[in-house]
Structures are given as structure tokens and as C-alpha cells.
Amino acid sequence: MTKNIVCFLVAVISQNSWSQTQERVLINGKITANTHDLEGVYVVNSQTEVMTTTDASGAFSILAKPDDTLVFSSIQFKENRVLLTCENFTDLNFTVKMNLVIHQLQEVIVKRYDNINAVSLGIVPAGQKSYTEAERKLRTATALDATASATGMAGGSISADPLFNFFSGRTAMLKKEVEVEKKEFFMKLLEKMFTLEHFIDRLKIPAEHVKGFEYYAVENKQFTNILNSKNKTSTEFLLGELAVKYKEIIASEAK
């Protein structure tokens, strides 16, 4: 009896030792979910911090070994952690079930208070609006400056500048300047949130294409909305999805 116990313990110790010292190999798998949008889900080996993403069919490949933990995460899915076993490496149909994130609002009661607002509380001066420099230029160029008397237009006048600016193309130029200013703001916010190494090492964007990718990202309305919320986790997930698409564009242009 004692001999059998000793043999069992030796076998367990040997198995654990083999699991810890064996080389990591490529494991192939696929995620499944109640959606067709399976591309861009992060797959991270928590032991080595090696990361990859799923393709359009949900398939992925990553270096791992038994007892490693794979972490699956994305904006639209709940995080899933899978402890790998020896069977996973021989299973030709290794699949991981992902559950969609469902945002369910609790009951909201809306009460109307007509006399309570930012102006009445003195937080914002009455009639004041904040403009950027480009927005001020555009407003000045397009605003009609009526100086008519209280009884009508008699004795008053309207500036011809807005009409002149419109036909000369200056208004269109100023509108473009406002858009450029917004994109520059988002570019600075993006570069402040993520380092150059993040784009090159984590997202695998070639160094010479990083600036182009930043412009590509801030052109995406959904991304700038999330970026402006300063939620780094959500921003990083969507940035990863955009990186996959941008690298496909680079690859197609290189052909």
C-alpha cells in the first residue's frame, strides 16, 4: 500500500515538473458567440503576456503550454479565462464560448425642474458660450451683424462680410480649420494616453506608419467619442480593432 502511494506521488511530481519545463507550442482554437462579429477579440497568455487577436471567423493561434491561462476580452464580450490542459493541445476543435455584454438599465425616474439649471445656479453666466480660436473665427465670418432699430430694419444695416466670405471660399476654409483643430486635439489626447512603444510593440504598427494610423483612428467618429470620454480600457480595445483593419490596408497597398 505504501509503495503504491509513493509511486503515485512520484508520478504526480513528474507530471508537474514536465508541465513547468516543457517548451510552449502553438495552440490553435476558436471562439464562439451569439454574434457574427468575432474579429479582434484579445487573447492574452497571462503567464507570458503574449497577445494576439481573433480573425473574422473567431480563430486564433498563440504560444502556450498546459497550466497556462488564456484571457479572452473585448468591448462586446465578457472577459473569459481558460486554464489550459493537455487535452486542449490535441483537440482539433478547441473552442471557447464568449458571452456578449448586455447593458441593462435600471429604472430611471426623471423629474422636471424648470427653474433649476446651470445659469440659475450661477455655474455658467447667462448667454455665455465657450469657443475655440478656430470656432471664433468661423462665427465672426458667418454671423450677420444686424444694427437695425427696435422698430424694424429702417436706419439699420447688415454686414456684407458673411456673404463675401461665403462666395470667396473663406467660410469653407474656416470650417476645415475647425475640423483640423478638432483632429489635432484628439491626436494630442491619443498620444498622451498611449506611448509610441504601445503602437509599435503592442499593436504591431510599423514605426513609419504610426502617425498615419493616428490620423486614421481620429477619423473614426465612434473612436473619438470613446477617446473623449477618457476611458482608457474602452479606448484601447477599439484602438486594437482599428489597428487590425489599418494593417490590412497597409498590406493591400504594399501589393
Protein backbone atom coordinates (compact mmCIF):
# COMPACT_ATOMS: atom_id res chain seq x y z
CA MET A 1 0.00 0.00 0.00
CA THR A 2 2.76 2.43 0.98
CA LYS A 3 4.65 1.53 -2.19
CA ASN A 4 1.61 2.36 -4.32
CA ILE A 5 1.22 5.77 -2.64
CA VAL A 6 4.90 6.59 -3.21
CA CYS A 7 4.61 5.65 -6.91
CA PHE A 8 1.54 7.84 -7.26
CA LEU A 9 3.28 10.85 -5.69
CA VAL A 10 6.33 10.37 -7.91
CA ALA A 11 4.08 10.28 -10.99
CA VAL A 12 2.28 13.49 -9.94
CA ILE A 13 5.54 15.31 -9.20
CA SER A 14 7.00 14.19 -12.53
CA GLN A 15 3.90 15.35 -14.38
CA ASN A 16 4.03 18.80 -12.72
CA SER A 17 7.73 19.10 -13.41
CA TRP A 18 7.16 18.21 -17.08
CA SER A 19 4.39 20.83 -17.37
CA GLN A 20 6.64 23.53 -15.93
CA THR A 21 9.71 22.80 -18.02
CA GLN A 22 8.24 21.87 -21.38
CA GLU A 23 8.51 24.30 -24.27
CA ARG A 24 5.49 26.36 -25.24
CA VAL A 25 3.96 25.41 -28.56
CA LEU A 26 1.39 26.98 -30.84
CA ILE A 27 -2.16 26.16 -29.79
CA ASN A 28 -4.96 26.74 -32.28
CA GLY A 29 -8.51 27.47 -31.22
CA LYS A 30 -11.66 29.36 -32.00
CA ILE A 31 -14.16 31.46 -30.08
CA THR A 32 -17.92 31.10 -30.45
CA ALA A 33 -20.72 33.51 -29.52
CA ASN A 34 -24.25 34.56 -30.41
CA THR A 35 -22.95 37.03 -32.98
CA HIS A 36 -21.10 37.03 -36.29
CA ASP A 37 -18.71 39.78 -35.13
CA LEU A 38 -15.87 37.61 -33.80
CA GLU A 39 -12.89 39.57 -35.13
CA GLY A 40 -10.46 41.50 -32.94
CA VAL A 41 -11.03 39.74 -29.61
CA TYR A 42 -7.87 39.91 -27.49
CA VAL A 43 -6.28 36.60 -26.49
CA VAL A 44 -3.57 37.02 -23.83
CA ASN A 45 -1.38 34.38 -22.20
CA SER A 46 -1.37 35.68 -18.62
CA GLN A 47 1.87 33.81 -17.83
CA THR A 48 3.94 35.27 -20.68
CA GLU A 49 1.80 38.35 -21.54
CA VAL A 50 1.98 37.33 -25.21
CA MET A 51 -1.08 38.66 -27.02
CA THR A 52 -2.90 38.00 -30.27
CA THR A 53 -6.36 38.73 -31.69
CA THR A 54 -9.00 36.58 -33.36
CA ASP A 55 -9.71 36.76 -37.08
CA ALA A 56 -13.11 37.25 -38.74
CA SER A 57 -14.07 33.60 -38.11
CA GLY A 58 -13.02 33.77 -34.44
CA ALA A 59 -9.88 31.65 -34.93
CA PHE A 60 -6.63 32.35 -33.06
CA SER A 61 -3.15 30.88 -32.53
CA ILE A 62 -0.89 31.58 -29.55
CA LEU A 63 2.18 30.11 -27.85
CA ALA A 64 1.27 28.29 -24.64
CA LYS A 65 1.64 25.11 -22.60
CA PRO A 66 -0.55 23.18 -20.15
CA ASP A 67 -1.37 25.13 -16.95
CA ASP A 68 -1.09 28.48 -18.77
CA THR A 69 -4.15 30.70 -18.51
CA LEU A 70 -5.58 32.37 -21.63
CA VAL A 71 -7.57 35.56 -21.10
CA PHE A 72 -10.17 36.47 -23.73
CA SER A 73 -11.51 40.03 -23.68
CA SER A 74 -13.17 42.59 -25.92
CA ILE A 75 -15.57 45.52 -25.67
CA GLN A 76 -18.59 43.46 -26.73
CA PHE A 77 -17.79 40.33 -24.69
CA LYS A 78 -17.45 39.47 -21.01
CA GLU A 79 -13.92 38.50 -20.02
CA ASN A 80 -13.27 34.74 -20.07
CA ARG A 81 -10.29 32.94 -18.51
CA VAL A 82 -9.36 29.43 -19.63
CA LEU A 83 -6.84 27.22 -17.81
CA LEU A 84 -5.21 25.08 -20.49
CA THR A 85 -4.93 21.30 -20.15
CA CYS A 86 -3.01 18.73 -22.18
CA GLU A 87 -6.24 17.77 -23.95
CA ASN A 88 -6.64 21.30 -25.34
CA PHE A 89 -3.43 20.90 -27.37
CA THR A 90 -4.64 17.71 -29.08
CA ASP A 91 -8.23 18.87 -29.56
CA LEU A 92 -8.69 19.85 -33.21
CA ASN A 93 -11.94 21.63 -32.27
CA PHE A 94 -10.73 23.59 -29.23
CA THR A 95 -13.38 26.28 -28.78
CA VAL A 96 -14.03 28.95 -26.17
CA LYS A 97 -17.55 30.21 -25.54
CA MET A 98 -17.87 34.00 -25.23
CA ASN A 99 -20.84 35.82 -23.73
CA LEU A 100 -22.00 39.18 -25.06
CA VAL A 101 -22.04 42.16 -22.71
CA ILE A 102 -25.63 43.25 -22.19
CA HIS A 103 -26.10 46.71 -20.75
CA GLN A 104 -29.36 46.70 -18.83
CA LEU A 105 -30.52 50.00 -17.37
CA GLN A 106 -32.27 50.05 -14.05
CA GLU A 107 -35.46 52.06 -13.60
CA VAL A 108 -34.87 55.76 -14.10
CA ILE A 109 -37.26 58.38 -12.76
CA VAL A 110 -36.98 61.76 -14.48
CA LYS A 111 -38.27 64.79 -12.65
CA ARG A 112 -38.56 68.15 -14.34
CA TYR A 113 -37.32 71.23 -12.52
CA ASP A 114 -37.92 74.18 -14.85
CA ASN A 115 -36.28 76.76 -12.62
CA ILE A 116 -33.11 74.85 -11.78
CA ASN A 117 -30.29 74.91 -14.34
CA ALA A 118 -26.62 75.87 -14.63
CA VAL A 119 -27.46 79.54 -15.24
CA SER A 120 -29.86 79.88 -12.30
CA LEU A 121 -27.31 78.24 -10.02
CA GLY A 122 -24.63 80.70 -11.15
CA ILE A 123 -22.39 77.97 -12.59
CA VAL A 124 -22.49 79.44 -16.11
CA PRO A 125 -23.06 83.15 -16.81
CA ALA A 126 -26.27 83.77 -18.72
CA GLY A 127 -25.82 83.71 -22.51
CA GLN A 128 -22.15 82.77 -22.42
CA LYS A 129 -20.72 80.13 -24.76
CA SER A 130 -17.14 78.94 -24.94
CA TYR A 131 -15.45 78.83 -28.38
CA THR A 132 -12.06 77.67 -29.58
CA GLU A 133 -9.94 80.06 -31.66
CA ALA A 134 -10.98 78.41 -34.96
CA GLU A 135 -14.66 78.41 -33.91
CA ARG A 136 -14.45 82.13 -33.04
CA LYS A 137 -13.05 82.90 -36.49
CA LEU A 138 -15.79 80.91 -38.17
CA ARG A 139 -18.51 82.54 -36.08
CA THR A 140 -17.16 86.01 -36.85
CA ALA A 141 -17.01 85.25 -40.57
CA THR A 142 -20.58 83.89 -40.78
CA ALA A 143 -22.55 85.95 -38.22
CA LEU A 144 -24.93 88.61 -39.55
CA ASP A 145 -24.32 91.84 -37.62
CA ALA A 146 -27.75 93.46 -37.57
CA THR A 147 -27.78 97.02 -36.24
CA ALA A 148 -31.39 97.78 -37.08
CA SER A 149 -33.54 99.88 -34.79
CA ALA A 150 -36.09 98.27 -32.49
CA THR A 151 -38.96 99.22 -34.85
CA GLY A 152 -37.54 97.38 -37.88
CA MET A 153 -34.68 97.49 -40.36
CA ALA A 154 -35.11 101.16 -41.18
CA GLY A 155 -31.97 103.04 -40.24
CA GLY A 156 -30.14 99.77 -39.64
CA SER A 157 -27.74 97.68 -41.73
CA ILE A 158 -26.42 94.15 -42.13
CA SER A 159 -22.73 93.45 -42.62
CA ALA A 160 -21.90 92.14 -46.09
CA ASP A 161 -18.89 90.22 -44.73
CA PRO A 162 -20.70 86.85 -44.36
CA LEU A 163 -21.83 86.93 -48.00
CA PHE A 164 -18.37 87.92 -49.15
CA ASN A 165 -16.78 85.17 -47.05
CA PHE A 166 -19.22 82.61 -48.43
CA PHE A 167 -18.62 83.42 -52.11
CA SER A 168 -14.86 83.88 -51.67
CA GLY A 169 -14.50 80.43 -50.08
CA ARG A 170 -13.24 81.78 -46.76
CA THR A 171 -16.18 80.25 -44.85
CA ALA A 172 -15.42 76.79 -46.24
CA MET A 173 -11.74 77.26 -45.36
CA LEU A 174 -12.61 78.24 -41.79
CA LYS A 175 -14.89 75.20 -41.42
CA LYS A 176 -11.99 72.99 -42.47
CA GLU A 177 -9.80 74.79 -39.93
CA VAL A 178 -12.30 73.91 -37.18
CA GLU A 179 -12.23 70.24 -38.22
CA VAL A 180 -8.42 70.22 -38.33
CA GLU A 181 -8.32 71.78 -34.86
CA LYS A 182 -10.59 69.02 -33.50
CA LYS A 183 -8.43 66.29 -35.06
CA GLU A 184 -5.27 67.86 -33.62
CA PHE A 185 -6.93 67.89 -30.20
CA PHE A 186 -7.77 64.18 -30.46
CA MET A 187 -4.26 63.40 -31.78
CA LYS A 188 -2.69 65.04 -28.70
CA LEU A 189 -5.13 63.24 -26.42
CA LEU A 190 -4.33 59.90 -28.08
CA GLU A 191 -0.54 60.44 -27.84
CA LYS A 192 -0.91 61.47 -24.20
CA MET A 193 -2.87 58.30 -23.39
CA PHE A 194 -0.60 55.82 -25.26
CA THR A 195 3.17 55.78 -25.81
CA LEU A 196 4.90 55.23 -29.14
CA GLU A 197 6.02 51.81 -27.86
CA HIS A 198 2.38 50.82 -27.37
CA PHE A 199 1.66 51.38 -31.07
CA ILE A 200 4.81 49.57 -32.22
CA ASP A 201 5.18 46.72 -29.71
CA ARG A 202 1.58 46.08 -28.63
CA LEU A 203 -0.42 46.93 -31.73
CA LYS A 204 2.37 45.88 -34.15
CA ILE A 205 2.09 49.06 -36.23
CA PRO A 206 5.32 49.72 -38.21
CA ALA A 207 7.10 52.79 -36.82
CA GLU A 208 6.86 54.65 -40.14
CA HIS A 209 3.08 54.15 -40.17
CA VAL A 210 2.29 55.16 -36.56
CA LYS A 211 1.45 58.77 -37.39
CA GLY A 212 -0.73 57.67 -40.29
CA PHE A 213 -2.54 55.23 -38.01
CA GLU A 214 -3.22 58.01 -35.50
CA TYR A 215 -4.85 60.10 -38.25
CA TYR A 216 -6.80 57.01 -39.35
CA ALA A 217 -8.05 56.47 -35.78
CA VAL A 218 -9.21 60.05 -35.14
CA GLU A 219 -11.17 59.97 -38.42
CA ASN A 220 -13.41 57.36 -36.77
CA LYS A 221 -16.34 59.10 -35.03
CA GLN A 222 -17.02 56.20 -32.65
CA PHE A 223 -13.36 56.14 -31.60
CA THR A 224 -13.16 59.90 -30.92
CA ASN A 225 -16.31 59.69 -28.79
CA ILE A 226 -14.76 56.94 -26.65
CA LEU A 227 -11.38 58.70 -26.64
CA ASN A 228 -13.01 61.93 -25.45
CA SER A 229 -14.60 60.03 -22.54
CA LYS A 230 -11.03 59.24 -21.37
CA ASN A 231 -11.97 55.62 -20.66
CA LYS A 232 -8.59 54.05 -21.37
CA THR A 233 -9.80 50.42 -21.32
CA SER A 234 -12.56 51.01 -23.89
CA THR A 235 -10.25 53.22 -25.96
CA GLU A 236 -7.55 50.52 -26.00
CA PHE A 237 -9.99 47.83 -27.13
CA LEU A 238 -11.33 49.89 -30.04
CA LEU A 239 -7.80 51.04 -30.91
CA GLY A 240 -6.80 47.38 -31.21
CA GLU A 241 -9.70 46.72 -33.58
CA LEU A 242 -8.77 49.72 -35.73
CA ALA A 243 -5.12 48.56 -35.77
CA VAL A 244 -6.15 45.21 -37.30
CA LYS A 245 -8.06 46.98 -40.08
CA TYR A 246 -5.26 49.54 -40.66
CA LYS A 247 -2.64 46.80 -41.03
CA GLU A 248 -4.87 45.16 -43.64
CA ILE A 249 -4.93 48.46 -45.55
CA ILE A 250 -1.13 48.70 -45.38
CA ALA A 251 -0.78 45.11 -46.61
CA SER A 252 -3.15 45.69 -49.55
CA GLU A 253 -1.32 48.85 -50.59
CA ALA A 254 2.02 47.03 -50.50
CA LYS A 255 0.84 44.52 -53.10
